[in-house]
Amino acid sequence: MAAFEDEMLALLPRLRRFARSLARDAADADDLCQVAVEKALQARRSWQPGTRMDSWMYRIMRNAWIDNTRARTRASETFVDAEAGATIGGDGGAEARVALREVESAMRRLPDEQREAVALVLVEGLAYREAADILDIPIGTLTSRLVRGRHALMAELGEAV
């Protein structure tokens, strides 16, 4: 089981990035990441060695996010954007941090379906088939969401479509 834990630890930066794209808020993303890791640790016996842990973890995280969102909706709570300046990344300089905040802000404004597709394929670099499997949708639907998401992001960021 040490290999399982080592592989999961190596995935943490990617998991946090995906959680951030789902939750739209740094604190909620950290909570979501923690919940996903806890669920994975509890279900570690169901993980098959030799399979892709990242896809397995992304599915666990997405399902946890859906559960959390449904619970918040039932409780009439809403996600609140954290404009307090939390940034992802390292020493990219002030211009890079500003650009990153602009991209994060544009991502937060995408509809959930487009944001998930963009985060898995464009940010995390998953193949279309893997992303479609994680989202439990046909590849054609994923492609459509990606196209709409890309166009929306480019329009939001002021680039030519």
N, C-alpha and C. Protein backbone atom coordinates (compact mmCIF):
# COMPACT_ATOMS: atom_id res chain seq x y z
N MET A 1 0.81 -1.21 0.00
CA MET A 1 0.00 0.00 0.00
C MET A 1 0.85 1.27 0.00
N ALA A 2 2.14 1.14 0.26
CA ALA A 2 3.01 2.31 0.23
C ALA A 2 3.05 2.91 -1.17
N ALA A 3 3.04 2.06 -2.20
CA ALA A 3 3.04 2.56 -3.57
C ALA A 3 1.77 3.37 -3.85
N PHE A 4 0.65 2.90 -3.32
CA PHE A 4 -0.62 3.62 -3.48
C PHE A 4 -0.51 5.02 -2.90
N GLU A 5 -0.01 5.11 -1.67
CA GLU A 5 0.12 6.40 -1.01
C GLU A 5 1.13 7.30 -1.70
N ASP A 6 2.25 6.73 -2.17
CA ASP A 6 3.26 7.52 -2.88
C ASP A 6 2.67 8.09 -4.17
N GLU A 7 1.93 7.27 -4.90
CA GLU A 7 1.33 7.73 -6.15
C GLU A 7 0.29 8.82 -5.89
N MET A 8 -0.47 8.66 -4.81
CA MET A 8 -1.46 9.68 -4.47
C MET A 8 -0.79 10.99 -4.08
N LEU A 9 0.28 10.91 -3.29
CA LEU A 9 1.00 12.12 -2.90
C LEU A 9 1.55 12.85 -4.11
N ALA A 10 2.05 12.12 -5.09
CA ALA A 10 2.58 12.74 -6.30
C ALA A 10 1.48 13.45 -7.09
N LEU A 11 0.24 13.02 -6.94
CA LEU A 11 -0.89 13.62 -7.65
C LEU A 11 -1.45 14.87 -6.98
N LEU A 12 -1.08 15.13 -5.74
CA LEU A 12 -1.71 16.23 -4.98
C LEU A 12 -1.70 17.58 -5.70
N PRO A 13 -0.60 18.02 -6.31
CA PRO A 13 -0.67 19.32 -7.00
C PRO A 13 -1.71 19.35 -8.11
N ARG A 14 -1.82 18.26 -8.87
CA ARG A 14 -2.82 18.20 -9.94
C ARG A 14 -4.23 18.13 -9.37
N LEU A 15 -4.39 17.39 -8.28
CA LEU A 15 -5.70 17.30 -7.65
C LEU A 15 -6.15 18.66 -7.11
N ARG A 16 -5.22 19.38 -6.50
CA ARG A 16 -5.57 20.71 -5.98
C ARG A 16 -5.96 21.65 -7.12
N ARG A 17 -5.25 21.55 -8.24
CA ARG A 17 -5.55 22.41 -9.39
C ARG A 17 -6.94 22.08 -9.93
N PHE A 18 -7.26 20.79 -10.04
CA PHE A 18 -8.59 20.40 -10.53
C PHE A 18 -9.67 20.82 -9.54
N ALA A 19 -9.40 20.65 -8.26
CA ALA A 19 -10.36 21.08 -7.23
C ALA A 19 -10.61 22.57 -7.33
N ARG A 20 -9.55 23.33 -7.58
CA ARG A 20 -9.68 24.79 -7.69
C ARG A 20 -10.56 25.16 -8.88
N SER A 21 -10.41 24.42 -9.98
CA SER A 21 -11.24 24.73 -11.15
C SER A 21 -12.69 24.34 -10.93
N LEU A 22 -12.94 23.33 -10.12
CA LEU A 22 -14.33 22.94 -9.83
C LEU A 22 -14.98 23.88 -8.83
N ALA A 23 -14.29 24.13 -7.75
CA ALA A 23 -14.89 24.85 -6.63
C ALA A 23 -14.92 26.35 -6.81
N ARG A 24 -14.04 26.89 -7.63
CA ARG A 24 -13.97 28.34 -7.88
C ARG A 24 -13.50 29.15 -6.68
N ASP A 25 -13.20 28.53 -5.59
CA ASP A 25 -12.80 29.22 -4.38
C ASP A 25 -11.67 28.42 -3.74
N ALA A 26 -10.61 29.09 -3.32
CA ALA A 26 -9.42 28.40 -2.80
C ALA A 26 -9.74 27.56 -1.56
N ALA A 27 -10.49 28.10 -0.62
CA ALA A 27 -10.81 27.36 0.61
C ALA A 27 -11.70 26.16 0.30
N ASP A 28 -12.71 26.36 -0.55
CA ASP A 28 -13.58 25.25 -0.92
C ASP A 28 -12.79 24.19 -1.69
N ALA A 29 -11.85 24.63 -2.51
CA ALA A 29 -11.02 23.69 -3.28
C ALA A 29 -10.16 22.85 -2.34
N ASP A 30 -9.58 23.47 -1.34
CA ASP A 30 -8.77 22.72 -0.37
C ASP A 30 -9.63 21.69 0.37
N ASP A 31 -10.84 22.10 0.75
CA ASP A 31 -11.76 21.17 1.41
C ASP A 31 -12.12 20.01 0.49
N LEU A 32 -12.40 20.33 -0.77
CA LEU A 32 -12.76 19.30 -1.75
C LEU A 32 -11.61 18.33 -1.96
N CYS A 33 -10.41 18.84 -2.04
CA CYS A 33 -9.24 17.97 -2.21
C CYS A 33 -9.09 17.04 -1.01
N GLN A 34 -9.27 17.57 0.17
CA GLN A 34 -9.17 16.76 1.39
C GLN A 34 -10.24 15.67 1.40
N VAL A 35 -11.45 16.02 1.05
CA VAL A 35 -12.54 15.04 1.01
C VAL A 35 -12.22 13.94 0.01
N ALA A 36 -11.73 14.32 -1.17
CA ALA A 36 -11.42 13.33 -2.20
C ALA A 36 -10.32 12.38 -1.75
N VAL A 37 -9.29 12.92 -1.10
CA VAL A 37 -8.20 12.06 -0.61
C VAL A 37 -8.72 11.13 0.48
N GLU A 38 -9.55 11.64 1.37
CA GLU A 38 -10.12 10.79 2.42
C GLU A 38 -10.94 9.66 1.81
N LYS A 39 -11.79 9.99 0.83
CA LYS A 39 -12.62 8.97 0.18
C LYS A 39 -11.75 7.94 -0.52
N ALA A 40 -10.69 8.40 -1.17
CA ALA A 40 -9.79 7.48 -1.87
C ALA A 40 -9.09 6.55 -0.88
N LEU A 41 -8.65 7.09 0.23
CA LEU A 41 -8.00 6.26 1.24
C LEU A 41 -8.97 5.22 1.80
N GLN A 42 -10.21 5.61 1.99
CA GLN A 42 -11.21 4.67 2.49
C GLN A 42 -11.54 3.59 1.45
N ALA A 43 -11.41 3.95 0.16
CA ALA A 43 -11.76 3.02 -0.91
C ALA A 43 -10.52 2.41 -1.57
N ARG A 44 -9.38 2.51 -0.94
CA ARG A 44 -8.14 2.07 -1.59
C ARG A 44 -8.18 0.62 -2.04
N ARG A 45 -8.96 -0.20 -1.38
CA ARG A 45 -9.04 -1.61 -1.79
C ARG A 45 -9.75 -1.78 -3.13
N SER A 46 -10.55 -0.80 -3.52
CA SER A 46 -11.24 -0.89 -4.81
C SER A 46 -10.38 -0.41 -5.97
N TRP A 47 -9.28 0.25 -5.68
CA TRP A 47 -8.37 0.71 -6.75
C TRP A 47 -7.56 -0.49 -7.26
N GLN A 48 -7.50 -0.62 -8.55
CA GLN A 48 -6.78 -1.73 -9.17
C GLN A 48 -5.37 -1.29 -9.54
N PRO A 49 -4.34 -1.88 -8.93
CA PRO A 49 -2.96 -1.55 -9.32
C PRO A 49 -2.77 -1.75 -10.82
N GLY A 50 -2.05 -0.83 -11.43
CA GLY A 50 -1.84 -0.87 -12.87
C GLY A 50 -2.79 0.03 -13.62
N THR A 51 -3.85 0.49 -12.96
CA THR A 51 -4.76 1.42 -13.62
C THR A 51 -4.32 2.84 -13.30
N ARG A 52 -4.86 3.79 -14.02
CA ARG A 52 -4.47 5.18 -13.85
C ARG A 52 -5.09 5.76 -12.59
N MET A 53 -4.24 6.09 -11.65
CA MET A 53 -4.75 6.65 -10.40
C MET A 53 -5.32 8.05 -10.62
N ASP A 54 -4.72 8.82 -11.55
CA ASP A 54 -5.22 10.18 -11.74
C ASP A 54 -6.68 10.17 -12.20
N SER A 55 -7.02 9.31 -13.14
CA SER A 55 -8.42 9.23 -13.59
C SER A 55 -9.34 8.80 -12.46
N TRP A 56 -8.89 7.83 -11.67
CA TRP A 56 -9.67 7.34 -10.53
C TRP A 56 -9.89 8.47 -9.53
N MET A 57 -8.84 9.22 -9.23
CA MET A 57 -8.94 10.32 -8.27
C MET A 57 -9.80 11.46 -8.80
N TYR A 58 -9.66 11.78 -10.10
CA TYR A 58 -10.49 12.85 -10.67
C TYR A 58 -11.97 12.49 -10.57
N ARG A 59 -12.30 11.24 -10.81
CA ARG A 59 -13.70 10.82 -10.72
C ARG A 59 -14.20 10.93 -9.28
N ILE A 60 -13.38 10.50 -8.32
CA ILE A 60 -13.75 10.61 -6.90
C ILE A 60 -13.97 12.08 -6.55
N MET A 61 -13.05 12.94 -7.00
CA MET A 61 -13.15 14.37 -6.68
C MET A 61 -14.40 14.97 -7.31
N ARG A 62 -14.64 14.65 -8.57
CA ARG A 62 -15.81 15.22 -9.24
C ARG A 62 -17.10 14.77 -8.55
N ASN A 63 -17.17 13.49 -8.18
CA ASN A 63 -18.36 13.01 -7.47
C ASN A 63 -18.52 13.69 -6.12
N ALA A 64 -17.42 13.91 -5.41
CA ALA A 64 -17.48 14.61 -4.12
C ALA A 64 -17.95 16.05 -4.34
N TRP A 65 -17.48 16.67 -5.42
CA TRP A 65 -17.90 18.04 -5.72
C TRP A 65 -19.39 18.10 -6.02
N ILE A 66 -19.89 17.15 -6.80
CA ILE A 66 -21.31 17.10 -7.12
C ILE A 66 -22.13 16.92 -5.85
N ASP A 67 -21.70 16.00 -4.99
CA ASP A 67 -22.40 15.78 -3.72
C ASP A 67 -22.42 17.05 -2.88
N ASN A 68 -21.27 17.72 -2.81
CA ASN A 68 -21.15 18.94 -2.02
C ASN A 68 -22.05 20.04 -2.59
N THR A 69 -22.05 20.19 -3.91
CA THR A 69 -22.87 21.22 -4.55
C THR A 69 -24.35 20.97 -4.31
N ARG A 70 -24.75 19.72 -4.42
CA ARG A 70 -26.16 19.39 -4.16
C ARG A 70 -26.54 19.69 -2.72
N ALA A 71 -25.64 19.36 -1.80
CA ALA A 71 -25.92 19.63 -0.38
C ALA A 71 -26.03 21.14 -0.14
N ARG A 72 -25.15 21.91 -0.75
CA ARG A 72 -25.21 23.36 -0.58
C ARG A 72 -26.48 23.94 -1.19
N THR A 73 -26.88 23.41 -2.32
CA THR A 73 -28.10 23.90 -2.96
C THR A 73 -29.30 23.62 -2.08
N ARG A 74 -29.33 22.41 -1.54
CA ARG A 74 -30.46 22.07 -0.65
C ARG A 74 -30.47 22.96 0.58
N ALA A 75 -29.32 23.37 1.03
CA ALA A 75 -29.24 24.21 2.22
C ALA A 75 -29.28 25.69 1.86
N SER A 76 -29.54 25.98 0.58
CA SER A 76 -29.63 27.36 0.09
C SER A 76 -28.36 28.16 0.33
N GLU A 77 -27.24 27.50 0.29
CA GLU A 77 -25.97 28.20 0.39
C GLU A 77 -25.42 28.40 -1.02
N THR A 78 -24.55 29.38 -1.17
CA THR A 78 -23.93 29.64 -2.46
C THR A 78 -22.42 29.70 -2.31
N PHE A 79 -21.76 29.42 -3.42
CA PHE A 79 -20.31 29.59 -3.44
C PHE A 79 -20.01 31.08 -3.53
N VAL A 80 -19.04 31.52 -2.79
CA VAL A 80 -18.65 32.92 -2.81
C VAL A 80 -17.25 33.02 -3.40
N ASP A 81 -17.08 33.88 -4.40
CA ASP A 81 -15.76 34.07 -5.00
C ASP A 81 -14.82 34.71 -3.99
N ALA A 82 -13.63 34.18 -3.93
CA ALA A 82 -12.60 34.75 -3.06
C ALA A 82 -11.73 35.65 -3.90
N GLU A 83 -11.94 36.92 -3.83
CA GLU A 83 -11.16 37.89 -4.60
C GLU A 83 -10.02 38.43 -3.76
N ALA A 84 -9.65 37.68 -2.72
CA ALA A 84 -8.64 38.15 -1.79
C ALA A 84 -7.23 38.00 -2.31
N GLY A 85 -7.09 37.53 -3.55
CA GLY A 85 -5.76 37.48 -4.12
C GLY A 85 -5.05 36.15 -4.00
N ALA A 86 -5.77 35.10 -3.69
CA ALA A 86 -5.11 33.79 -3.64
C ALA A 86 -4.72 33.41 -5.06
N THR A 87 -3.47 33.05 -5.25
CA THR A 87 -3.00 32.72 -6.58
C THR A 87 -2.39 31.34 -6.60
N ILE A 88 -2.38 30.78 -7.80
CA ILE A 88 -1.74 29.49 -8.02
C ILE A 88 -0.45 29.79 -8.77
N GLY A 89 0.58 29.06 -8.46
CA GLY A 89 1.81 29.22 -9.21
C GLY A 89 2.91 29.78 -8.35
N GLY A 90 4.05 29.92 -8.95
CA GLY A 90 5.23 30.36 -8.22
C GLY A 90 5.65 31.76 -8.60
N ASP A 91 6.95 31.94 -8.72
CA ASP A 91 7.53 33.25 -8.98
C ASP A 91 7.44 33.61 -10.46
N GLY A 92 6.28 33.95 -10.92
CA GLY A 92 6.12 34.33 -12.31
C GLY A 92 6.18 35.83 -12.49
N GLY A 93 6.35 36.56 -11.43
CA GLY A 93 6.36 38.00 -11.51
C GLY A 93 4.95 38.55 -11.43
N ALA A 94 4.87 39.86 -11.29
CA ALA A 94 3.59 40.52 -11.11
C ALA A 94 2.70 40.35 -12.33
N GLU A 95 3.26 40.49 -13.54
CA GLU A 95 2.46 40.36 -14.75
C GLU A 95 1.87 38.96 -14.89
N ALA A 96 2.67 37.96 -14.57
CA ALA A 96 2.19 36.59 -14.66
C ALA A 96 1.08 36.34 -13.64
N ARG A 97 1.23 36.89 -12.44
CA ARG A 97 0.19 36.72 -11.41
C ARG A 97 -1.11 37.40 -11.83
N VAL A 98 -1.00 38.57 -12.43
CA VAL A 98 -2.19 39.28 -12.91
C VAL A 98 -2.86 38.47 -14.01
N ALA A 99 -2.07 37.96 -14.95
CA ALA A 99 -2.62 37.16 -16.04
C ALA A 99 -3.28 35.90 -15.50
N LEU A 100 -2.64 35.28 -14.52
CA LEU A 100 -3.19 34.07 -13.92
C LEU A 100 -4.53 34.37 -13.25
N ARG A 101 -4.61 35.48 -12.53
CA ARG A 101 -5.88 35.86 -11.90
C ARG A 101 -6.96 36.11 -12.94
N GLU A 102 -6.59 36.71 -14.07
CA GLU A 102 -7.56 36.95 -15.14
C GLU A 102 -8.09 35.63 -15.70
N VAL A 103 -7.19 34.68 -15.91
CA VAL A 103 -7.60 33.37 -16.42
C VAL A 103 -8.47 32.65 -15.38
N GLU A 104 -8.06 32.68 -14.11
CA GLU A 104 -8.85 32.04 -13.06
C GLU A 104 -10.24 32.66 -12.99
N SER A 105 -10.31 33.97 -13.09
CA SER A 105 -11.59 34.67 -13.04
C SER A 105 -12.46 34.26 -14.24
N ALA A 106 -11.86 34.20 -15.42
CA ALA A 106 -12.61 33.78 -16.60
C ALA A 106 -13.08 32.33 -16.46
N MET A 107 -12.24 31.48 -15.91
CA MET A 107 -12.64 30.07 -15.69
C MET A 107 -13.83 29.99 -14.73
N ARG A 108 -13.81 30.81 -13.67
CA ARG A 108 -14.91 30.78 -12.69
C ARG A 108 -16.25 31.16 -13.32
N ARG A 109 -16.21 31.98 -14.37
CA ARG A 109 -17.44 32.42 -15.00
C ARG A 109 -17.98 31.43 -16.03
N LEU A 110 -17.20 30.42 -16.38
CA LEU A 110 -17.69 29.41 -17.32
C LEU A 110 -18.78 28.57 -16.65
N PRO A 111 -19.73 28.09 -17.43
CA PRO A 111 -20.70 27.13 -16.87
C PRO A 111 -19.95 25.90 -16.37
N ASP A 112 -20.51 25.23 -15.38
CA ASP A 112 -19.85 24.08 -14.75
C ASP A 112 -19.39 23.05 -15.77
N GLU A 113 -20.25 22.71 -16.74
CA GLU A 113 -19.92 21.67 -17.70
C GLU A 113 -18.70 22.04 -18.52
N GLN A 114 -18.63 23.29 -18.96
CA GLN A 114 -17.49 23.75 -19.76
C GLN A 114 -16.23 23.84 -18.90
N ARG A 115 -16.37 24.31 -17.68
CA ARG A 115 -15.22 24.46 -16.79
C ARG A 115 -14.59 23.10 -16.49
N GLU A 116 -15.42 22.08 -16.24
CA GLU A 116 -14.90 20.74 -15.99
C GLU A 116 -14.12 20.22 -17.19
N ALA A 117 -14.69 20.37 -18.38
CA ALA A 117 -14.04 19.88 -19.60
C ALA A 117 -12.72 20.60 -19.84
N VAL A 118 -12.73 21.91 -19.72
CA VAL A 118 -11.52 22.71 -19.92
C VAL A 118 -10.46 22.33 -18.89
N ALA A 119 -10.86 22.17 -17.65
CA ALA A 119 -9.90 21.85 -16.60
C ALA A 119 -9.25 20.48 -16.84
N LEU A 120 -10.02 19.49 -17.22
CA LEU A 120 -9.46 18.15 -17.41
C LEU A 120 -8.59 18.05 -18.66
N VAL A 121 -9.04 18.64 -19.77
CA VAL A 121 -8.31 18.48 -21.03
C VAL A 121 -7.22 19.53 -21.20
N LEU A 122 -7.56 20.79 -21.03
CA LEU A 122 -6.59 21.85 -21.31
C LEU A 122 -5.65 22.11 -20.15
N VAL A 123 -6.12 22.01 -18.92
CA VAL A 123 -5.27 22.28 -17.77
C VAL A 123 -4.52 21.02 -17.33
N GLU A 124 -5.26 19.92 -17.18
CA GLU A 124 -4.65 18.69 -16.68
C GLU A 124 -4.03 17.84 -17.78
N GLY A 125 -4.38 18.11 -19.03
CA GLY A 125 -3.76 17.40 -20.14
C GLY A 125 -4.26 15.99 -20.37
N LEU A 126 -5.46 15.68 -19.91
CA LEU A 126 -6.00 14.34 -20.13
C LEU A 126 -6.46 14.19 -21.58
N ALA A 127 -6.44 12.98 -22.07
CA ALA A 127 -6.98 12.67 -23.39
C ALA A 127 -8.50 12.85 -23.36
N TYR A 128 -9.07 13.11 -24.52
CA TYR A 128 -10.51 13.31 -24.59
C TYR A 128 -11.26 12.11 -24.02
N ARG A 129 -10.83 10.89 -24.36
CA ARG A 129 -11.51 9.68 -23.88
C ARG A 129 -11.48 9.62 -22.36
N GLU A 130 -10.32 9.91 -21.76
CA GLU A 130 -10.21 9.86 -20.30
C GLU A 130 -11.13 10.90 -19.66
N ALA A 131 -11.11 12.11 -20.19
CA ALA A 131 -11.96 13.16 -19.63
C ALA A 131 -13.43 12.81 -19.79
N ALA A 132 -13.81 12.28 -20.95
CA ALA A 132 -15.20 11.89 -21.18
C ALA A 132 -15.61 10.79 -20.20
N ASP A 133 -14.71 9.85 -19.95
CA ASP A 133 -15.01 8.77 -19.00
C ASP A 133 -15.18 9.33 -17.58
N ILE A 134 -14.31 10.24 -17.18
CA ILE A 134 -14.40 10.84 -15.85
C ILE A 134 -15.72 11.59 -15.68
N LEU A 135 -16.10 12.33 -16.73
CA LEU A 135 -17.34 13.11 -16.67
C LEU A 135 -18.57 12.27 -16.99
N ASP A 136 -18.35 11.04 -17.43
CA ASP A 136 -19.42 10.12 -17.78
C ASP A 136 -20.31 10.70 -18.88
N ILE A 137 -19.65 11.18 -19.96
CA ILE A 137 -20.35 11.75 -21.11
C ILE A 137 -19.70 11.20 -22.39
N PRO A 138 -20.42 11.26 -23.52
CA PRO A 138 -19.82 10.85 -24.79
C PRO A 138 -18.71 11.83 -25.21
N ILE A 139 -17.78 11.36 -26.03
CA ILE A 139 -16.68 12.21 -26.50
C ILE A 139 -17.22 13.42 -27.27
N GLY A 140 -18.26 13.22 -28.05
CA GLY A 140 -18.84 14.33 -28.81
C GLY A 140 -19.33 15.44 -27.90
N THR A 141 -19.93 15.08 -26.79
CA THR A 141 -20.40 16.06 -25.81
C THR A 141 -19.22 16.79 -25.19
N LEU A 142 -18.16 16.03 -24.87
CA LEU A 142 -16.95 16.65 -24.32
C LEU A 142 -16.37 17.64 -25.32
N THR A 143 -16.27 17.23 -26.57
CA THR A 143 -15.71 18.10 -27.61
C THR A 143 -16.52 19.38 -27.73
N SER A 144 -17.83 19.25 -27.72
CA SER A 144 -18.71 20.41 -27.81
C SER A 144 -18.49 21.37 -26.63
N ARG A 145 -18.38 20.80 -25.42
CA ARG A 145 -18.16 21.63 -24.24
C ARG A 145 -16.80 22.32 -24.29
N LEU A 146 -15.80 21.61 -24.80
CA LEU A 146 -14.47 22.21 -24.93
C LEU A 146 -14.48 23.38 -25.92
N VAL A 147 -15.13 23.18 -27.05
CA VAL A 147 -15.19 24.24 -28.06
C VAL A 147 -15.88 25.47 -27.49
N ARG A 148 -17.02 25.26 -26.85
CA ARG A 148 -17.74 26.40 -26.26
C ARG A 148 -16.93 27.04 -25.14
N GLY A 149 -16.27 26.22 -24.33
CA GLY A 149 -15.44 26.74 -23.24
C GLY A 149 -14.25 27.55 -23.75
N ARG A 150 -13.58 27.03 -24.77
CA ARG A 150 -12.44 27.76 -25.36
C ARG A 150 -12.89 29.11 -25.92
N HIS A 151 -13.99 29.08 -26.67
CA HIS A 151 -14.49 30.33 -27.25
C HIS A 151 -14.87 31.34 -26.16
N ALA A 152 -15.53 30.86 -25.13
CA ALA A 152 -15.92 31.75 -24.03
C ALA A 152 -14.69 32.32 -23.34
N LEU A 153 -13.67 31.49 -23.11
CA LEU A 153 -12.45 31.98 -22.47
C LEU A 153 -11.73 32.99 -23.34
N MET A 154 -11.61 32.70 -24.63
CA MET A 154 -10.93 33.63 -25.53
C MET A 154 -11.69 34.95 -25.60
N ALA A 155 -13.01 34.89 -25.67
CA ALA A 155 -13.80 36.12 -25.70
C ALA A 155 -13.64 36.90 -24.40
N GLU A 156 -13.65 36.18 -23.30
CA GLU A 156 -13.52 36.80 -21.97
C GLU A 156 -12.14 37.45 -21.79
N LEU A 157 -11.14 36.80 -22.34
CA LEU A 157 -9.78 37.31 -22.18
C LEU A 157 -9.38 38.27 -23.30
N GLY A 158 -10.31 38.52 -24.22
CA GLY A 158 -10.08 39.53 -25.25
C GLY A 158 -9.22 39.07 -26.41
N GLU A 159 -9.20 37.77 -26.69
CA GLU A 159 -8.41 37.26 -27.81
C GLU A 159 -9.34 36.96 -28.97
N ALA A 160 -8.79 36.97 -30.17
CA ALA A 160 -9.57 36.67 -31.37
C ALA A 160 -9.96 35.20 -31.37
N VAL A 161 -11.20 34.95 -31.75
CA VAL A 161 -11.70 33.57 -31.79
C VAL A 161 -11.41 32.97 -33.13
